[in-house]
């Protein structure tokens, strides 16, 4: 199942840029906002399994799609979660997940124009997980059962601000407006043959800059959810950016960063893709 957030209304996706309006078809039982679906995820899944897919279809453009998790109470992000990215960053492979946050106001939909702040803006493609059932002290074995679905994300990062001061400013430097595009849709885990082994990558102006598979994560999604939920309850609609593979611009020799006029395309296999274009302030 794929669910989209189009113009602030949740749609059950039935084809290419087409879907049925969940609130309308359910007679107001669910929706119209995506967040209300996560709050009643089990009930919604039961309804969606028998929803009339031949109901009136709404067509939309990619530019109309909003973030599939539009108002999370918590956004977690994981640094250095691929060994090759840790290596290119000049640090040892971490023994525990490196956790920070992106502020929710950074989240946007999948096709956007991003204004570049002063500094050096880098790309980081990631598999993003959205929580569907409250998770407290979950086991690795049960972790996927608490997931509503996955989507594609970009953890855009301004590297100068990130390194200001005695400690890294990860959260601040990664939370400018537009620095958290996610989408295009929420894809439920049952749609994926192996949710722990998905191709992932991105390109800048058509040149591939990142290419890997999620099986190369140091800490898999189940491990991350188990470790996070041992400290902070994960709430319905919360978002977890699971880390990026090697190929970021700041690690290149010489370093390469995003510039006005660039187009960044990011993908996760069988999940979808994002497209960001960049303009000067």
C-alpha atoms as a PDB file:
ATOM      1  CA  UNK A   1       0.000   0.000   0.000  1.00  0.00           C
ATOM      2  CA  UNK A   2       1.141   3.511  -0.848  1.00  0.00           C
ATOM      3  CA  UNK A   3      -0.321   6.578   0.806  1.00  0.00           C
ATOM      4  CA  UNK A   4       0.234  10.130  -0.346  1.00  0.00           C
ATOM      5  CA  UNK A   5      -0.260  13.542   1.207  1.00  0.00           C
ATOM      6  CA  UNK A   6      -1.606  15.771  -1.540  1.00  0.00           C
ATOM      7  CA  UNK A   7      -2.590  19.309  -0.675  1.00  0.00           C
ATOM      8  CA  UNK A   8      -2.957  18.350   2.974  1.00  0.00           C
ATOM      9  CA  UNK A   9      -5.271  15.410   2.272  1.00  0.00           C
ATOM     10  CA  UNK A  10      -4.346  11.745   2.592  1.00  0.00           C
ATOM     11  CA  UNK A  11      -4.799   9.687  -0.554  1.00  0.00           C
ATOM     12  CA  UNK A  12      -4.643   5.944  -1.061  1.00  0.00           C
ATOM     13  CA  UNK A  13      -2.481   5.730  -4.180  1.00  0.00           C
ATOM     14  CA  UNK A  14      -4.040   3.646  -6.949  1.00  0.00           C
ATOM     15  CA  UNK A  15      -1.785   4.464  -9.915  1.00  0.00           C
ATOM     16  CA  UNK A  16       0.690   6.933 -11.364  1.00  0.00           C
ATOM     17  CA  UNK A  17      -0.093  10.281  -9.712  1.00  0.00           C
ATOM     18  CA  UNK A  18      -3.602   9.106  -8.912  1.00  0.00           C
ATOM     19  CA  UNK A  19      -5.430   8.065  -5.777  1.00  0.00           C
ATOM     20  CA  UNK A  20      -8.663   8.066  -3.838  1.00  0.00           C
ATOM     21  CA  UNK A  21      -9.341  10.600  -1.093  1.00  0.00           C
ATOM     22  CA  UNK A  22      -9.341   8.624   2.148  1.00  0.00           C
ATOM     23  CA  UNK A  23     -11.584  10.974   4.133  1.00  0.00           C
ATOM     24  CA  UNK A  24     -14.182  11.095   1.377  1.00  0.00           C
ATOM     25  CA  UNK A  25     -14.243   7.368   0.656  1.00  0.00           C
ATOM     26  CA  UNK A  26     -14.262   6.427   4.353  1.00  0.00           C
ATOM     27  CA  UNK A  27     -17.152   8.789   5.060  1.00  0.00           C
ATOM     28  CA  UNK A  28     -14.944  10.833   7.381  1.00  0.00           C
ATOM     29  CA  UNK A  29     -13.814   7.872   9.473  1.00  0.00           C
ATOM     30  CA  UNK A  30     -10.170   8.512   8.550  1.00  0.00           C
ATOM     31  CA  UNK A  31      -8.254  11.568   7.422  1.00  0.00           C
ATOM     32  CA  UNK A  32      -8.179  14.010   5.886  1.00  0.00           C
ATOM     33  CA  UNK A  33      -4.727  14.628   7.387  1.00  0.00           C
ATOM     34  CA  UNK A  34      -1.931  12.064   7.307  1.00  0.00           C
ATOM     35  CA  UNK A  35      -1.200  12.527  11.018  1.00  0.00           C
ATOM     36  CA  UNK A  36      -4.643  11.281  12.005  1.00  0.00           C
ATOM     37  CA  UNK A  37      -3.959   8.072  10.065  1.00  0.00           C
ATOM     38  CA  UNK A  38      -0.871   7.330  12.157  1.00  0.00           C
ATOM     39  CA  UNK A  39      -2.795   7.945  15.360  1.00  0.00           C
ATOM     40  CA  UNK A  40      -5.219   5.148  14.363  1.00  0.00           C
ATOM     41  CA  UNK A  41      -2.898   3.111  12.177  1.00  0.00           C
ATOM     42  CA  UNK A  42      -4.214  -0.410  12.932  1.00  0.00           C
ATOM     43  CA  UNK A  43      -7.822   0.649  12.343  1.00  0.00           C
ATOM     44  CA  UNK A  44      -6.853   2.467   9.168  1.00  0.00           C
ATOM     45  CA  UNK A  45      -4.977  -0.550   7.793  1.00  0.00           C
ATOM     46  CA  UNK A  46      -8.024  -2.727   8.404  1.00  0.00           C
ATOM     47  CA  UNK A  47     -10.230  -0.246   6.532  1.00  0.00           C
ATOM     48  CA  UNK A  48      -7.732   0.199   3.687  1.00  0.00           C
ATOM     49  CA  UNK A  49      -7.625  -3.556   3.097  1.00  0.00           C
ATOM     50  CA  UNK A  50     -11.249  -3.432   1.979  1.00  0.00           C
ATOM     51  CA  UNK A  51     -11.402   0.123   0.580  1.00  0.00           C
ATOM     52  CA  UNK A  52     -13.175   0.477  -2.787  1.00  0.00           C
ATOM     53  CA  UNK A  53     -10.274   1.266  -5.097  1.00  0.00           C
ATOM     54  CA  UNK A  54     -12.680   1.978  -7.932  1.00  0.00           C
ATOM     55  CA  UNK A  55     -14.028   5.042  -6.116  1.00  0.00           C
ATOM     56  CA  UNK A  56     -13.623   8.465  -7.707  1.00  0.00           C
ATOM     57  CA  UNK A  57      -9.948   8.955  -8.459  1.00  0.00           C
ATOM     58  CA  UNK A  58      -8.094  12.226  -7.915  1.00  0.00           C
ATOM     59  CA  UNK A  59      -5.197  13.023 -10.244  1.00  0.00           C
ATOM     60  CA  UNK A  60      -2.303  15.215  -9.145  1.00  0.00           C
ATOM     61  CA  UNK A  61       1.169  16.361 -10.141  1.00  0.00           C
ATOM     62  CA  UNK A  62       4.433  15.534  -8.380  1.00  0.00           C
ATOM     63  CA  UNK A  63       4.723  19.158  -7.283  1.00  0.00           C
ATOM     64  CA  UNK A  64       1.440  18.889  -5.360  1.00  0.00           C
ATOM     65  CA  UNK A  65       2.677  16.092  -3.109  1.00  0.00           C
ATOM     66  CA  UNK A  66       3.510  17.073   0.479  1.00  0.00           C
ATOM     67  CA  UNK A  67       5.588  15.218   3.068  1.00  0.00           C
ATOM     68  CA  UNK A  68       4.023  11.833   3.928  1.00  0.00           C
ATOM     69  CA  UNK A  69       4.772  12.505   7.603  1.00  0.00           C
ATOM     70  CA  UNK A  70       3.874  16.204   7.785  1.00  0.00           C
ATOM     71  CA  UNK A  71       3.807  16.903  11.520  1.00  0.00           C
ATOM     72  CA  UNK A  72       5.905  14.442  13.520  1.00  0.00           C
ATOM     73  CA  UNK A  73       6.339  15.090  17.206  1.00  0.00           C
ATOM     74  CA  UNK A  74       9.886  13.739  16.988  1.00  0.00           C
ATOM     75  CA  UNK A  75      12.410  13.503  14.154  1.00  0.00           C
ATOM     76  CA  UNK A  76      15.417  11.290  14.839  1.00  0.00           C
ATOM     77  CA  UNK A  77      18.447  11.079  12.579  1.00  0.00           C
ATOM     78  CA  UNK A  78      21.434   8.759  12.592  1.00  0.00           C
ATOM     79  CA  UNK A  79      24.973   9.781  11.697  1.00  0.00           C
ATOM     80  CA  UNK A  80      27.749   7.574  10.326  1.00  0.00           C
ATOM     81  CA  UNK A  81      25.519   4.519   9.867  1.00  0.00           C
ATOM     82  CA  UNK A  82      27.397   3.106   6.867  1.00  0.00           C
ATOM     83  CA  UNK A  83      30.996   1.986   7.353  1.00  0.00           C
ATOM     84  CA  UNK A  84      32.103   3.545   4.061  1.00  0.00           C
ATOM     85  CA  UNK A  85      30.638   6.906   5.088  1.00  0.00           C
ATOM     86  CA  UNK A  86      32.383   6.711   8.464  1.00  0.00           C
ATOM     87  CA  UNK A  87      35.601   5.955   6.586  1.00  0.00           C
ATOM     88  CA  UNK A  88      35.285   8.884   4.182  1.00  0.00           C
ATOM     89  CA  UNK A  89      34.511  11.119   7.193  1.00  0.00           C
ATOM     90  CA  UNK A  90      37.759  10.062   8.873  1.00  0.00           C
ATOM     91  CA  UNK A  91      36.187   8.482  11.945  1.00  0.00           C
ATOM     92  CA  UNK A  92      36.123   4.963  13.320  1.00  0.00           C
ATOM     93  CA  UNK A  93      33.017   2.844  12.859  1.00  0.00           C
ATOM     94  CA  UNK A  94      30.752   3.738  15.812  1.00  0.00           C
ATOM     95  CA  UNK A  95      29.948   1.138  18.439  1.00  0.00           C
ATOM     96  CA  UNK A  96      26.588   2.772  19.157  1.00  0.00           C
ATOM     97  CA  UNK A  97      24.307   4.836  16.871  1.00  0.00           C
ATOM     98  CA  UNK A  98      25.186   8.530  16.623  1.00  0.00           C
ATOM     99  CA  UNK A  99      21.782  10.169  17.172  1.00  0.00           C
ATOM    100  CA  UNK A 100      20.737  13.766  16.525  1.00  0.00           C
ATOM    101  CA  UNK A 101      17.523  15.431  15.365  1.00  0.00           C
ATOM    102  CA  UNK A 102      16.265  17.494  12.484  1.00  0.00           C
ATOM    103  CA  UNK A 103      13.671  20.084  13.431  1.00  0.00           C
ATOM    104  CA  UNK A 104      10.235  19.272  11.961  1.00  0.00           C
ATOM    105  CA  UNK A 105      10.018  22.648  10.197  1.00  0.00           C
ATOM    106  CA  UNK A 106      12.752  21.428   7.819  1.00  0.00           C
ATOM    107  CA  UNK A 107      10.471  18.729   6.383  1.00  0.00           C
ATOM    108  CA  UNK A 108       8.996  19.238   2.926  1.00  0.00           C
ATOM    109  CA  UNK A 109       7.541  17.221   0.085  1.00  0.00           C
ATOM    110  CA  UNK A 110       9.422  15.335  -2.620  1.00  0.00           C
ATOM    111  CA  UNK A 111       9.674  17.933  -5.405  1.00  0.00           C
ATOM    112  CA  UNK A 112      10.884  21.276  -4.120  1.00  0.00           C
ATOM    113  CA  UNK A 113      13.026  24.323  -4.710  1.00  0.00           C
ATOM    114  CA  UNK A 114      15.527  24.889  -1.896  1.00  0.00           C
ATOM    115  CA  UNK A 115      17.099  28.252  -1.122  1.00  0.00           C
ATOM    116  CA  UNK A 116      20.792  27.800  -0.344  1.00  0.00           C
ATOM    117  CA  UNK A 117      21.955  29.559   2.825  1.00  0.00           C
ATOM    118  CA  UNK A 118      25.443  30.954   3.111  1.00  0.00           C
ATOM    119  CA  UNK A 119      27.962  28.144   3.531  1.00  0.00           C
ATOM    120  CA  UNK A 120      28.501  24.702   2.029  1.00  0.00           C
ATOM    121  CA  UNK A 121      25.353  22.633   1.501  1.00  0.00           C
ATOM    122  CA  UNK A 122      25.870  18.891   1.131  1.00  0.00           C
ATOM    123  CA  UNK A 123      23.633  15.962   0.146  1.00  0.00           C
ATOM    124  CA  UNK A 124      22.860  12.793   2.152  1.00  0.00           C
ATOM    125  CA  UNK A 125      20.282  10.376   0.729  1.00  0.00           C
ATOM    126  CA  UNK A 126      18.561   8.228   3.356  1.00  0.00           C
ATOM    127  CA  UNK A 127      15.876   5.638   3.917  1.00  0.00           C
ATOM    128  CA  UNK A 128      13.300   7.261   6.195  1.00  0.00           C
ATOM    129  CA  UNK A 129      11.108   5.250   8.573  1.00  0.00           C
ATOM    130  CA  UNK A 130       7.721   6.456   9.846  1.00  0.00           C
ATOM    131  CA  UNK A 131       6.366   5.005  13.087  1.00  0.00           C
ATOM    132  CA  UNK A 132       2.833   3.568  13.031  1.00  0.00           C
ATOM    133  CA  UNK A 133       2.466   2.213  16.561  1.00  0.00           C
ATOM    134  CA  UNK A 134       3.947   3.555  19.784  1.00  0.00           C
ATOM    135  CA  UNK A 135       7.238   1.814  20.483  1.00  0.00           C
ATOM    136  CA  UNK A 136       8.661   1.489  23.999  1.00  0.00           C
ATOM    137  CA  UNK A 137      11.530  -0.899  24.621  1.00  0.00           C
ATOM    138  CA  UNK A 138      10.732  -2.860  21.470  1.00  0.00           C
ATOM    139  CA  UNK A 139      12.865  -5.833  20.510  1.00  0.00           C
ATOM    140  CA  UNK A 140      14.696  -6.037  17.212  1.00  0.00           C
ATOM    141  CA  UNK A 141      12.437  -8.940  16.262  1.00  0.00           C
ATOM    142  CA  UNK A 142       9.281  -6.856  16.750  1.00  0.00           C
ATOM    143  CA  UNK A 143      10.603  -3.528  15.477  1.00  0.00           C
ATOM    144  CA  UNK A 144       9.199  -3.636  11.931  1.00  0.00           C
ATOM    145  CA  UNK A 145       5.743  -4.297  13.417  1.00  0.00           C
ATOM    146  CA  UNK A 146       5.809  -0.772  14.841  1.00  0.00           C
ATOM    147  CA  UNK A 147       6.543   0.836  11.454  1.00  0.00           C
ATOM    148  CA  UNK A 148       3.797   2.374   9.338  1.00  0.00           C
ATOM    149  CA  UNK A 149       6.059   2.460   6.306  1.00  0.00           C
ATOM    150  CA  UNK A 150       9.142   3.911   4.704  1.00  0.00           C
ATOM    151  CA  UNK A 151       9.899   6.730   2.320  1.00  0.00           C
ATOM    152  CA  UNK A 152      12.866   8.475   0.698  1.00  0.00           C
ATOM    153  CA  UNK A 153      14.673  11.316   2.460  1.00  0.00           C
ATOM    154  CA  UNK A 154      17.470  13.816   2.012  1.00  0.00           C
ATOM    155  CA  UNK A 155      19.382  15.002   5.069  1.00  0.00           C
ATOM    156  CA  UNK A 156      20.631  18.231   3.500  1.00  0.00           C
ATOM    157  CA  UNK A 157      23.452  19.655   5.599  1.00  0.00           C
ATOM    158  CA  UNK A 158      25.254  22.987   5.795  1.00  0.00           C
ATOM    159  CA  UNK A 159      28.810  21.951   6.676  1.00  0.00           C
ATOM    160  CA  UNK A 160      30.211  25.286   7.920  1.00  0.00           C
ATOM    161  CA  UNK A 161      27.569  25.781  10.612  1.00  0.00           C
ATOM    162  CA  UNK A 162      27.812  22.081  11.439  1.00  0.00           C
ATOM    163  CA  UNK A 163      31.394  22.644  12.623  1.00  0.00           C
ATOM    164  CA  UNK A 164      30.945  25.939  14.486  1.00  0.00           C
ATOM    165  CA  UNK A 165      31.833  25.855  18.176  1.00  0.00           C
ATOM    166  CA  UNK A 166      33.388  23.227  20.435  1.00  0.00           C
ATOM    167  CA  UNK A 167      30.769  20.565  19.579  1.00  0.00           C
ATOM    168  CA  UNK A 168      29.165  19.717  16.223  1.00  0.00           C
ATOM    169  CA  UNK A 169      25.967  21.625  15.402  1.00  0.00           C
ATOM    170  CA  UNK A 170      24.351  18.722  13.553  1.00  0.00           C
ATOM    171  CA  UNK A 171      20.717  19.522  14.348  1.00  0.00           C
ATOM    172  CA  UNK A 172      20.932  23.229  13.581  1.00  0.00           C
ATOM    173  CA  UNK A 173      22.968  22.844  10.390  1.00  0.00           C
ATOM    174  CA  UNK A 174      20.551  20.244   9.031  1.00  0.00           C
ATOM    175  CA  UNK A 175      17.331  22.138   9.737  1.00  0.00           C
ATOM    176  CA  UNK A 176      17.195  25.096   7.361  1.00  0.00           C
ATOM    177  CA  UNK A 177      13.865  25.396   5.516  1.00  0.00           C
ATOM    178  CA  UNK A 178      13.638  22.676   2.906  1.00  0.00           C
ATOM    179  CA  UNK A 179      16.536  20.648   4.332  1.00  0.00           C
ATOM    180  CA  UNK A 180      14.358  17.589   5.027  1.00  0.00           C
ATOM    181  CA  UNK A 181      12.541  16.590   1.851  1.00  0.00           C
ATOM    182  CA  UNK A 182      10.782  13.244   2.215  1.00  0.00           C
ATOM    183  CA  UNK A 183       8.453  11.296  -0.037  1.00  0.00           C
ATOM    184  CA  UNK A 184       6.931  10.871  -2.440  1.00  0.00           C
ATOM    185  CA  UNK A 185       4.666   8.389  -0.639  1.00  0.00           C
ATOM    186  CA  UNK A 186       4.591   6.267   2.474  1.00  0.00           C
ATOM    187  CA  UNK A 187       5.198   2.666   1.346  1.00  0.00           C
ATOM    188  CA  UNK A 188       4.080  -0.049   3.745  1.00  0.00           C
ATOM    189  CA  UNK A 189       6.650  -2.708   4.559  1.00  0.00           C
ATOM    190  CA  UNK A 190       4.606  -5.529   3.027  1.00  0.00           C
ATOM    191  CA  UNK A 191       5.192  -3.894  -0.372  1.00  0.00           C
ATOM    192  CA  UNK A 192       8.937  -4.608  -0.091  1.00  0.00           C
ATOM    193  CA  UNK A 193      10.472  -8.029  -0.658  1.00  0.00           C
ATOM    194  CA  UNK A 194      13.268  -7.263   1.815  1.00  0.00           C
ATOM    195  CA  UNK A 195      12.991  -3.929   3.628  1.00  0.00           C
ATOM    196  CA  UNK A 196      16.514  -4.381   5.020  1.00  0.00           C
ATOM    197  CA  UNK A 197      18.134  -4.599   1.569  1.00  0.00           C
ATOM    198  CA  UNK A 198      17.108  -1.755  -0.735  1.00  0.00           C
ATOM    199  CA  UNK A 199      19.168   0.024  -3.373  1.00  0.00           C
ATOM    200  CA  UNK A 200      19.728   3.669  -2.426  1.00  0.00           C
ATOM    201  CA  UNK A 201      21.466   6.567  -4.134  1.00  0.00           C
ATOM    202  CA  UNK A 202      21.376  10.059  -5.572  1.00  0.00           C
ATOM    203  CA  UNK A 203      22.721  12.131  -8.442  1.00  0.00           C
ATOM    204  CA  UNK A 204      23.644  15.771  -8.963  1.00  0.00           C
ATOM    205  CA  UNK A 205      22.881  17.098 -12.446  1.00  0.00           C
ATOM    206  CA  UNK A 206      22.675  13.537 -13.709  1.00  0.00           C
ATOM    207  CA  UNK A 207      26.003  12.399 -12.206  1.00  0.00           C
ATOM    208  CA  UNK A 208      25.716   9.581  -9.667  1.00  0.00           C
ATOM    209  CA  UNK A 209      27.276  10.680  -6.376  1.00  0.00           C
ATOM    210  CA  UNK A 210      25.888   8.076  -3.932  1.00  0.00           C
ATOM    211  CA  UNK A 211      25.048   4.427  -4.607  1.00  0.00           C
ATOM    212  CA  UNK A 212      24.688   1.621  -2.068  1.00  0.00           C
ATOM    213  CA  UNK A 213      22.225  -0.780  -0.453  1.00  0.00           C
ATOM    214  CA  UNK A 214      20.586  -0.479   2.946  1.00  0.00           C
ATOM    215  CA  UNK A 215      21.967  -3.878   3.968  1.00  0.00           C
ATOM    216  CA  UNK A 216      25.267  -2.062   4.450  1.00  0.00           C
ATOM    217  CA  UNK A 217      23.943  -0.098   7.418  1.00  0.00           C
ATOM    218  CA  UNK A 218      26.007  -0.612  10.544  1.00  0.00           C
ATOM    219  CA  UNK A 219      22.812  -0.540  12.607  1.00  0.00           C
ATOM    220  CA  UNK A 220      19.784  -1.899  10.733  1.00  0.00           C
ATOM    221  CA  UNK A 221      16.362  -0.336  11.076  1.00  0.00           C
ATOM    222  CA  UNK A 222      15.281  -2.938  13.688  1.00  0.00           C
ATOM    223  CA  UNK A 223      18.439  -2.283  15.716  1.00  0.00           C
ATOM    224  CA  UNK A 224      17.913   1.483  15.522  1.00  0.00           C
ATOM    225  CA  UNK A 225      14.291   1.269  16.655  1.00  0.00           C
ATOM    226  CA  UNK A 226      15.193  -1.029  19.514  1.00  0.00           C
ATOM    227  CA  UNK A 227      17.947   1.303  20.724  1.00  0.00           C
ATOM    228  CA  UNK A 228      15.939   4.509  20.276  1.00  0.00           C
ATOM    229  CA  UNK A 229      12.824   3.126  21.953  1.00  0.00           C
ATOM    230  CA  UNK A 230      14.878   1.991  24.939  1.00  0.00           C
ATOM    231  CA  UNK A 231      15.388   5.697  25.715  1.00  0.00           C
ATOM    232  CA  UNK A 232      12.544   7.685  24.152  1.00  0.00           C
ATOM    233  CA  UNK A 233       9.094   6.338  23.263  1.00  0.00           C
ATOM    234  CA  UNK A 234       8.608   6.471  19.496  1.00  0.00           C
ATOM    235  CA  UNK A 235       5.188   7.934  18.735  1.00  0.00           C
ATOM    236  CA  UNK A 236       2.842   7.411  15.780  1.00  0.00           C
ATOM    237  CA  UNK A 237       3.930   9.615  12.905  1.00  0.00           C
ATOM    238  CA  UNK A 238       7.474  10.076  14.217  1.00  0.00           C
ATOM    239  CA  UNK A 239      10.238  10.062  11.623  1.00  0.00           C
ATOM    240  CA  UNK A 240      13.632   8.340  11.673  1.00  0.00           C
ATOM    241  CA  UNK A 241      16.311   9.236   9.106  1.00  0.00           C
ATOM    242  CA  UNK A 242      18.412   6.066   9.103  1.00  0.00           C
ATOM    243  CA  UNK A 243      21.773   7.327   7.828  1.00  0.00           C
ATOM    244  CA  UNK A 244      23.577   7.880   4.533  1.00  0.00           C
ATOM    245  CA  UNK A 245      26.171   5.880   2.568  1.00  0.00           C
ATOM    246  CA  UNK A 246      29.449   7.232   1.217  1.00  0.00           C
ATOM    247  CA  UNK A 247      29.673   9.785  -1.563  1.00  0.00           C
ATOM    248  CA  UNK A 248      28.818  13.018   0.232  1.00  0.00           C
ATOM    249  CA  UNK A 249      30.277  16.190  -1.228  1.00  0.00           C
ATOM    250  CA  UNK A 250      32.260  17.268   1.803  1.00  0.00           C
ATOM    251  CA  UNK A 251      34.373  14.104   1.718  1.00  0.00           C
ATOM    252  CA  UNK A 252      35.402  14.526  -1.927  1.00  0.00           C
ATOM    253  CA  UNK A 253      38.810  15.774  -2.974  1.00  0.00           C
ATOM    254  CA  UNK A 254      38.358  18.601  -3.639  1.00  0.00           C
ATOM    255  CA  UNK A 255      35.089  19.010  -1.714  1.00  0.00           C
ATOM    256  CA  UNK A 256      31.980  19.580  -3.806  1.00  0.00           C
ATOM    257  CA  UNK A 257      28.831  21.295  -2.612  1.00  0.00           C
ATOM    258  CA  UNK A 258      25.443  22.176  -4.051  1.00  0.00           C
ATOM    259  CA  UNK A 259      25.208  25.374  -6.085  1.00  0.00           C
ATOM    260  CA  UNK A 260      22.388  27.481  -7.537  1.00  0.00           C
ATOM    261  CA  UNK A 261      20.960  25.755 -10.583  1.00  0.00           C
ATOM    262  CA  UNK A 262      21.858  22.228  -9.423  1.00  0.00           C
ATOM    263  CA  UNK A 263      19.309  19.428  -9.509  1.00  0.00           C
ATOM    264  CA  UNK A 264      19.526  16.656  -6.905  1.00  0.00           C
ATOM    265  CA  UNK A 265      17.623  13.417  -7.556  1.00  0.00           C
ATOM    266  CA  UNK A 266      17.473  10.838  -4.735  1.00  0.00           C
ATOM    267  CA  UNK A 267      15.951   7.359  -4.768  1.00  0.00           C
ATOM    268  CA  UNK A 268      15.297   4.216  -2.779  1.00  0.00           C
ATOM    269  CA  UNK A 269      14.482   1.039  -4.673  1.00  0.00           C
ATOM    270  CA  UNK A 270      10.726   0.315  -4.919  1.00  0.00           C
ATOM    271  CA  UNK A 271      10.002   3.313  -2.692  1.00  0.00           C
ATOM    272  CA  UNK A 272      10.361   6.331  -4.982  1.00  0.00           C
ATOM    273  CA  UNK A 273      12.451   9.391  -5.677  1.00  0.00           C
ATOM    274  CA  UNK A 274      12.885  13.027  -4.703  1.00  0.00           C
ATOM    275  CA  UNK A 275      13.889  15.974  -6.883  1.00  0.00           C
ATOM    276  CA  UNK A 276      15.335  19.153  -5.422  1.00  0.00           C
ATOM    277  CA  UNK A 277      16.512  22.196  -7.344  1.00  0.00           C
ATOM    278  CA  UNK A 278      18.605  24.873  -5.685  1.00  0.00           C
ATOM    279  CA  UNK A 279      18.531  28.652  -5.875  1.00  0.00           C
ATOM    280  CA  UNK A 280      20.560  31.408  -4.253  1.00  0.00           C
ATOM    281  CA  UNK A 281      19.195  33.390  -1.339  1.00  0.00           C
END
